[in-house]
Protein backbone atom coordinates (compact mmCIF):
# COMPACT_ATOMS: atom_id res chain seq x y z
CA UNK A 1 49.80 -50.30 30.71
CA UNK A 2 52.61 -51.51 32.43
CA UNK A 3 53.98 -54.90 32.79
CA UNK A 4 54.77 -56.08 36.49
CA UNK A 5 55.26 -59.13 38.91
CA UNK A 6 54.42 -62.60 37.32
CA UNK A 7 51.41 -64.15 39.24
CA UNK A 8 51.22 -67.64 37.93
CA UNK A 9 52.96 -69.85 35.30
CA UNK A 10 50.89 -73.05 34.26
CA UNK A 11 51.98 -75.41 31.50
CA UNK A 12 51.50 -73.13 28.32
CA UNK A 13 50.58 -70.05 29.83
CA UNK A 14 51.89 -67.19 32.27
CA UNK A 15 49.79 -64.15 34.09
CA UNK A 16 51.35 -60.99 34.66
CA UNK A 17 49.38 -58.47 37.13
CA UNK A 18 49.50 -55.06 35.36
CA UNK A 19 49.30 -51.32 37.06
CA UNK A 20 45.63 -51.80 36.54
CA UNK A 21 44.23 -53.86 39.11
CA UNK A 22 41.52 -55.02 36.75
CA UNK A 23 43.56 -56.43 33.89
CA UNK A 24 46.56 -58.94 33.30
CA UNK A 25 48.47 -59.61 30.76
CA UNK A 26 48.97 -63.39 29.41
CA UNK A 27 52.03 -64.47 28.08
CA UNK A 28 51.88 -67.59 25.72
CA UNK A 29 54.70 -70.01 25.95
CA UNK A 30 56.21 -72.76 23.61
CA UNK A 31 56.20 -75.62 26.14
CA UNK A 32 53.79 -78.56 25.65
CA UNK A 33 52.53 -81.22 27.78
CA UNK A 34 49.95 -83.81 27.52
CA UNK A 35 48.34 -86.61 29.74
CA UNK A 36 47.98 -83.91 32.57
CA UNK A 37 51.70 -83.17 32.48
CA UNK A 38 53.45 -86.48 32.11
CA UNK A 39 54.44 -85.90 28.51
CA UNK A 40 56.64 -82.78 28.11
CA UNK A 41 58.25 -80.96 25.43
CA UNK A 42 58.29 -77.82 23.13
CA UNK A 43 56.79 -76.96 19.79
CA UNK A 44 58.87 -73.76 18.26
CA UNK A 45 56.70 -70.91 18.07
CA UNK A 46 53.58 -72.80 19.52
CA UNK A 47 53.00 -69.47 21.54
CA UNK A 48 53.17 -67.15 18.98
CA UNK A 49 50.47 -68.97 17.36
CA UNK A 50 48.30 -69.47 19.92
CA UNK A 51 48.26 -66.26 20.90
CA UNK A 52 47.14 -64.86 16.94
CA UNK A 53 44.39 -67.82 16.70
CA UNK A 54 43.14 -67.18 20.19
CA UNK A 55 43.46 -63.31 19.92
CA UNK A 56 41.23 -63.43 16.39
CA UNK A 57 38.38 -66.10 17.89
CA UNK A 58 38.22 -64.03 21.02
CA UNK A 59 37.34 -61.36 18.41
CA UNK A 60 35.03 -63.05 16.51
CA UNK A 61 32.95 -63.87 19.67
CA UNK A 62 33.09 -61.14 21.15
CA UNK A 63 31.33 -59.59 17.90
CA UNK A 64 28.49 -61.57 17.84
CA UNK A 65 27.92 -60.79 21.81
CA UNK A 66 29.84 -63.60 23.84
CA UNK A 67 31.77 -61.39 26.62
CA UNK A 68 35.56 -62.44 26.88
CA UNK A 69 38.33 -61.78 29.22
CA UNK A 70 40.30 -60.33 26.03
CA UNK A 71 41.08 -56.94 25.27
CA UNK A 72 43.60 -57.12 22.84
CA UNK A 73 46.82 -58.58 21.51
CA UNK A 74 50.11 -56.85 22.63
CA UNK A 75 52.78 -58.14 20.44
CA UNK A 76 54.02 -61.82 19.34
CA UNK A 77 53.18 -63.77 22.61
CA UNK A 78 51.12 -61.39 25.04
CA UNK A 79 47.76 -60.15 24.87
CA UNK A 80 45.71 -57.61 27.33
CA UNK A 81 43.01 -59.31 29.47
CA UNK A 82 40.51 -58.41 32.24
CA UNK A 83 41.29 -59.70 35.45
CA UNK A 84 38.58 -62.97 36.52
CA UNK A 85 38.66 -65.32 39.16
CA UNK A 86 38.15 -68.48 37.11
CA UNK A 87 35.31 -70.66 37.60
CA UNK A 88 37.09 -74.37 38.23
CA UNK A 89 35.21 -76.17 35.54
CA UNK A 90 36.22 -76.79 32.03
CA UNK A 91 33.48 -77.34 29.58
CA UNK A 92 34.61 -79.75 26.80
CA UNK A 93 32.17 -79.53 23.74
CA UNK A 94 32.18 -82.62 21.16
CA UNK A 95 31.13 -82.97 18.00
CA UNK A 96 32.69 -85.56 16.51
CA UNK A 97 34.05 -88.65 18.95
CA UNK A 98 37.44 -88.70 19.72
CA UNK A 99 40.09 -88.63 22.50
CA UNK A 100 38.83 -89.72 25.61
CA UNK A 101 35.12 -90.14 24.70
CA UNK A 102 35.91 -92.87 22.13
CA UNK A 103 38.12 -94.63 24.74
CA UNK A 104 35.48 -94.43 27.60
CA UNK A 105 32.33 -95.48 25.38
CA UNK A 106 34.16 -97.63 22.53
CA UNK A 107 32.73 -95.08 20.02
CA UNK A 108 34.83 -95.29 17.31
CA UNK A 109 36.92 -92.01 16.70
CA UNK A 110 35.76 -89.72 13.62
CA UNK A 111 31.89 -90.89 14.43
CA UNK A 112 29.70 -87.67 14.08
CA UNK A 113 27.88 -87.17 17.00
CA UNK A 114 23.71 -86.08 16.15
CA UNK A 115 23.92 -83.18 18.32
CA UNK A 116 27.07 -81.18 20.46
CA UNK A 117 27.73 -83.25 23.68
CA UNK A 118 29.08 -80.75 26.75
CA UNK A 119 30.87 -82.45 29.27
CA UNK A 120 31.96 -80.75 32.61
CA UNK A 121 35.27 -81.54 34.70
CA UNK A 122 36.69 -80.58 37.75
CA UNK A 123 39.79 -78.55 37.56
CA UNK A 124 42.12 -80.11 39.80
CA UNK A 125 45.43 -81.43 38.35
CA UNK A 126 46.11 -83.73 41.40
CA UNK A 127 42.98 -85.29 40.34
CA UNK A 128 43.46 -85.36 36.81
CA UNK A 129 40.35 -83.14 36.13
CA UNK A 130 38.05 -85.50 36.36
CA UNK A 131 34.74 -86.01 34.80
CA UNK A 132 31.73 -84.21 36.33
CA UNK A 133 28.17 -84.24 36.20
CA UNK A 134 26.20 -80.89 36.62
CA UNK A 135 24.99 -81.48 40.52
CA UNK A 136 28.73 -81.71 41.62
CA UNK A 137 29.25 -78.32 40.25
CA UNK A 138 26.41 -76.93 42.52
CA UNK A 139 26.72 -79.13 45.66
CA UNK A 140 30.37 -77.98 46.25
CA UNK A 141 29.54 -74.74 45.29
CA UNK A 142 32.11 -74.37 42.35
CA UNK A 143 29.10 -72.47 40.23
CA UNK A 144 25.61 -71.22 40.74
CA UNK A 145 22.70 -72.52 38.91
CA UNK A 146 22.57 -69.01 37.08
CA UNK A 147 25.90 -69.36 36.27
CA UNK A 148 25.60 -72.81 34.68
CA UNK A 149 22.53 -71.94 32.58
CA UNK A 150 24.61 -68.62 31.61
CA UNK A 151 27.86 -71.05 30.56
CA UNK A 152 25.84 -73.36 28.63
CA UNK A 153 23.85 -71.07 26.69
CA UNK A 154 27.11 -69.18 25.98
CA UNK A 155 28.69 -72.59 24.99
CA UNK A 156 25.54 -73.49 22.10
CA UNK A 157 26.38 -70.05 20.91
CA UNK A 158 29.96 -70.66 20.49
CA UNK A 159 29.92 -73.66 19.22
CA UNK A 160 27.34 -72.64 16.46
CA UNK A 161 29.99 -69.48 15.89
CA UNK A 162 33.13 -71.93 15.33
CA UNK A 163 31.60 -74.62 13.86
CA UNK A 164 30.53 -72.04 10.79
CA UNK A 165 33.91 -70.48 11.10
CA UNK A 166 36.23 -73.66 11.05
CA UNK A 167 33.84 -74.70 8.02
CA UNK A 168 34.58 -71.96 6.11
CA UNK A 169 38.87 -72.65 6.19
CA UNK A 170 38.23 -75.90 5.45
CA UNK A 171 38.43 -77.13 8.83
CA UNK A 172 36.16 -79.90 11.10
CA UNK A 173 36.30 -78.52 14.60
CA UNK A 174 35.71 -82.16 16.10
CA UNK A 175 36.05 -81.09 19.88
CA UNK A 176 37.58 -78.15 22.19
CA UNK A 177 38.15 -77.14 25.49
CA UNK A 178 36.26 -73.55 27.49
CA UNK A 179 36.89 -71.81 30.44
CA UNK A 180 34.86 -69.13 32.01
CA UNK A 181 35.68 -66.79 34.73
CA UNK A 182 33.93 -64.27 36.98
CA UNK A 183 35.33 -60.24 36.13
CA UNK A 184 37.19 -58.80 38.89
CA UNK A 185 35.23 -55.66 38.12
CA UNK A 186 31.74 -57.07 38.35
CA UNK A 187 31.93 -60.95 40.19
CA UNK A 188 28.39 -61.10 38.69
CA UNK A 189 29.66 -61.08 35.14
CA UNK A 190 30.51 -64.36 33.63
CA UNK A 191 32.86 -64.36 30.51
CA UNK A 192 35.13 -66.42 28.32
CA UNK A 193 38.15 -66.91 29.49
CA UNK A 194 41.65 -68.71 28.79
CA UNK A 195 42.16 -69.53 25.21
CA UNK A 196 40.88 -71.36 22.31
CA UNK A 197 43.83 -72.65 20.01
CA UNK A 198 45.31 -76.14 18.85
CA UNK A 199 46.36 -76.72 21.74
CA UNK A 200 42.79 -76.92 23.44
CA UNK A 201 41.00 -77.77 20.31
CA UNK A 202 40.64 -80.57 18.12
CA UNK A 203 41.02 -79.85 14.43
CA UNK A 204 41.06 -82.12 11.43
CA UNK A 205 41.19 -81.47 7.93
CA UNK A 206 37.55 -81.27 6.22
CA UNK A 207 38.55 -83.49 3.40
CA UNK A 208 41.16 -85.56 4.54
CA UNK A 209 40.84 -85.89 8.24
CA UNK A 210 44.43 -84.53 8.69
CA UNK A 211 44.77 -83.76 12.23
CA UNK A 212 45.64 -80.09 12.76
CA UNK A 213 45.96 -79.96 16.69
CA UNK A 214 48.36 -80.81 19.77
CA UNK A 215 47.18 -84.35 18.91
CA UNK A 216 50.00 -84.63 16.68
CA UNK A 217 51.92 -84.21 19.96
CA UNK A 218 50.24 -86.36 22.03
CA UNK A 219 50.42 -89.39 19.58
CA UNK A 220 54.02 -88.85 18.47
CA UNK A 221 52.59 -88.32 14.62
CA UNK A 222 55.29 -85.65 13.76
CA UNK A 223 54.66 -82.40 12.06
CA UNK A 224 53.37 -80.68 14.98
CA UNK A 225 54.58 -77.23 14.03
CA UNK A 226 53.57 -77.50 10.53
CA UNK A 227 50.17 -78.20 11.67
CA UNK A 228 49.94 -75.24 13.89
CA UNK A 229 51.23 -73.07 11.30
CA UNK A 230 48.51 -74.56 8.50
CA UNK A 231 46.05 -73.80 11.17
CA UNK A 232 47.31 -70.05 11.12
CA UNK A 233 47.81 -69.74 7.51
CA UNK A 234 43.81 -70.78 7.12
CA UNK A 235 42.94 -68.33 9.50
CA UNK A 236 44.90 -65.65 7.72
CA UNK A 237 46.87 -64.71 10.68
CA UNK A 238 50.10 -66.03 10.11
CA UNK A 239 52.87 -63.59 10.45
CA UNK A 240 50.41 -60.47 11.78
CA UNK A 241 52.03 -57.91 13.77
């Protein structure tokens, strides 16, 4: 697969064309941002770790019947992915109250929720990715009823799998963000896209509640690199080639 021109560069990743019109190469950067780009920095080897973590989790989900854009990891920072048109809705899955949920609703951070809460956000940096309701997605044509129904069912399955996976390595999956896209080769098929990593998840140690994710960067807690490395170590992916 031949890597060609850069098509897009975001806060944490870049996308490159290939000689196959239905495939891209996704490159993971060390750049770190928070609060919609207001806070910026660099986390050493973050891109390497996020590539490893995402590759493993996408592979696990694909094995249990969740279609993804992931094809294979190519090297330390790159993976081959299927070309998709991203649906402009971020799905945030909350198992434990934290972050903006605690701030908005006055719920103590760390409170276990009786069931997972799914929130939808409109992907629009200029608007700070506002929280939306299901009807917004339908009325403005961001997704169809069938697509939303599929996404909601897929998210519940994903959550069950990921909660169990992380629990087995002593990590509580507090909350996380998911994105979905329509395959370029078959726009009727929706697949899981983007990444699943310490950048997009809140991950706490099951015993101590120590934060092992980007909150260490957001909140100036220190030990950011070590936290990312610990997640990779527990997942058994650190140092993979």
